[in-house]
Amino acid sequence: MSVSRKALLAAGTGILIGLSSAALAQSKKSTPATTIGEGEAIMVNGANVHKSNSNVTAAQHSAAVSKGAKEIGAGAVIYKQGGKLYMLEDSANERASQSFQDQFDVDY
């Protein structure tokens, strides 16, 4: 087999692997938009999610808490309906994400 045939075969194999990976990714119901680490901040603004490039300081956190910032649980869902943003948090009886289980690839 010539070098050009080997290269063509390798390229074709790579394309097939890439296409099968893309098909798997498209079959998922959801994908992570971002990750959030300690001190990082995200903002949901209409249809966009923005992640800050700088960390939240202790002073900023204290000021936000004094103005009413509240801790939310890990299962909280933020969604938009009728042009307004809503947040649903876990209750004592049900995880918030269970109401949206058809939209996410998560275990319940």
Protein backbone atom coordinates (compact mmCIF):
# COMPACT_ATOMS: atom_id res chain seq x y z
CA MET A 1 0.00 0.00 0.00
CA SER A 2 1.44 3.35 -1.00
CA VAL A 3 2.01 6.18 1.45
CA SER A 4 -0.78 8.26 -0.11
CA ARG A 5 -3.26 5.35 0.20
CA LYS A 6 -2.28 4.89 3.87
CA ALA A 7 -2.72 8.61 4.51
CA LEU A 8 -6.09 8.60 2.76
CA LEU A 9 -7.23 5.56 4.75
CA ALA A 10 -6.09 7.16 8.03
CA ALA A 11 -7.85 10.42 7.17
CA GLY A 12 -11.04 8.56 6.27
CA THR A 13 -10.92 6.63 9.53
CA GLY A 14 -10.42 9.87 11.45
CA ILE A 15 -13.41 11.46 9.74
CA LEU A 16 -15.61 8.46 10.56
CA ILE A 17 -14.54 8.56 14.21
CA GLY A 18 -15.23 12.30 14.31
CA LEU A 19 -18.67 11.86 12.76
CA SER A 20 -19.60 9.09 15.19
CA SER A 21 -18.47 11.27 18.11
CA ALA A 22 -20.57 14.14 16.78
CA ALA A 23 -23.59 11.84 16.47
CA LEU A 24 -23.15 10.74 20.09
CA ALA A 25 -22.89 14.35 21.25
CA GLN A 26 -26.05 15.28 19.34
CA SER A 27 -27.99 12.43 20.96
CA LYS A 28 -27.50 13.88 24.44
CA LYS A 29 -30.35 15.92 25.89
CA SER A 30 -28.07 18.41 27.58
CA THR A 31 -24.45 19.54 27.80
CA PRO A 32 -22.70 21.55 30.50
CA ALA A 33 -22.60 25.23 29.52
CA THR A 34 -19.72 25.93 31.88
CA THR A 35 -18.18 24.88 35.15
CA ILE A 36 -17.98 27.10 38.19
CA GLY A 37 -15.16 26.99 40.68
CA GLU A 38 -14.59 28.61 44.05
CA GLY A 39 -14.91 32.39 43.79
CA GLU A 40 -16.15 32.32 40.20
CA ALA A 41 -19.46 33.87 39.14
CA ILE A 42 -21.96 33.23 36.35
CA MET A 43 -24.83 35.44 35.27
CA VAL A 44 -27.92 34.35 33.39
CA ASN A 45 -29.02 37.28 31.26
CA GLY A 46 -31.96 36.47 29.04
CA ALA A 47 -30.78 33.75 26.67
CA ASN A 48 -27.06 34.10 27.54
CA VAL A 49 -24.91 32.74 30.33
CA HIS A 50 -21.84 34.81 31.19
CA LYS A 51 -18.94 33.65 33.35
CA SER A 52 -16.88 36.32 35.06
CA ASN A 53 -13.15 36.40 34.35
CA SER A 54 -12.38 37.49 37.92
CA ASN A 55 -13.16 35.92 41.28
CA VAL A 56 -15.71 37.18 43.79
CA THR A 57 -13.88 38.63 46.79
CA ALA A 58 -14.93 38.06 50.39
CA ALA A 59 -15.97 41.72 50.58
CA GLN A 60 -18.17 41.40 47.47
CA HIS A 61 -19.73 38.26 48.91
CA SER A 62 -20.45 39.94 52.25
CA ALA A 63 -22.00 42.94 50.46
CA ALA A 64 -24.17 40.66 48.31
CA VAL A 65 -25.38 38.69 51.35
CA SER A 66 -26.22 41.93 53.18
CA LYS A 67 -28.32 42.93 50.14
CA GLY A 68 -30.25 39.65 50.17
CA ALA A 69 -28.12 37.11 48.29
CA LYS A 70 -29.16 33.60 49.32
CA GLU A 71 -27.56 30.20 48.94
CA ILE A 72 -29.22 27.95 46.37
CA GLY A 73 -29.08 24.17 46.28
CA ALA A 74 -27.19 22.07 43.76
CA GLY A 75 -30.38 20.95 42.02
CA ALA A 76 -31.73 24.43 41.28
CA VAL A 77 -33.01 25.07 37.75
CA ILE A 78 -33.12 28.51 36.14
CA TYR A 79 -35.37 28.82 33.11
CA LYS A 80 -37.07 31.42 30.96
CA GLN A 81 -40.79 31.47 30.16
CA GLY A 82 -42.77 34.36 28.68
CA GLY A 83 -39.70 36.60 28.59
CA LYS A 84 -39.09 36.24 32.35
CA LEU A 85 -36.45 34.27 34.28
CA TYR A 86 -37.57 31.82 36.96
CA MET A 87 -35.67 29.69 39.46
CA LEU A 88 -36.97 26.47 40.95
CA GLU A 89 -35.16 25.05 43.96
CA ASP A 90 -35.35 21.67 45.63
CA SER A 91 -38.15 21.23 48.14
CA ALA A 92 -38.40 18.81 51.04
CA ASN A 93 -40.33 16.38 48.86
CA GLU A 94 -38.85 16.73 45.37
CA ARG A 95 -35.70 17.70 43.52
CA ALA A 96 -36.30 20.75 41.34
CA SER A 97 -34.64 19.09 38.36
CA GLN A 98 -37.23 16.29 38.41
CA SER A 99 -39.76 18.74 36.96
CA PHE A 100 -37.41 19.17 33.99
CA GLN A 101 -36.08 15.61 33.66
CA ASP A 102 -36.88 15.48 29.94
CA GLN A 103 -34.46 18.35 29.27
CA PHE A 104 -31.36 17.05 31.11
CA ASP A 105 -29.10 14.01 31.11
CA VAL A 106 -29.02 13.57 34.89
CA ASP A 107 -29.64 10.74 37.35
CA TYR A 108 -32.53 11.12 39.78
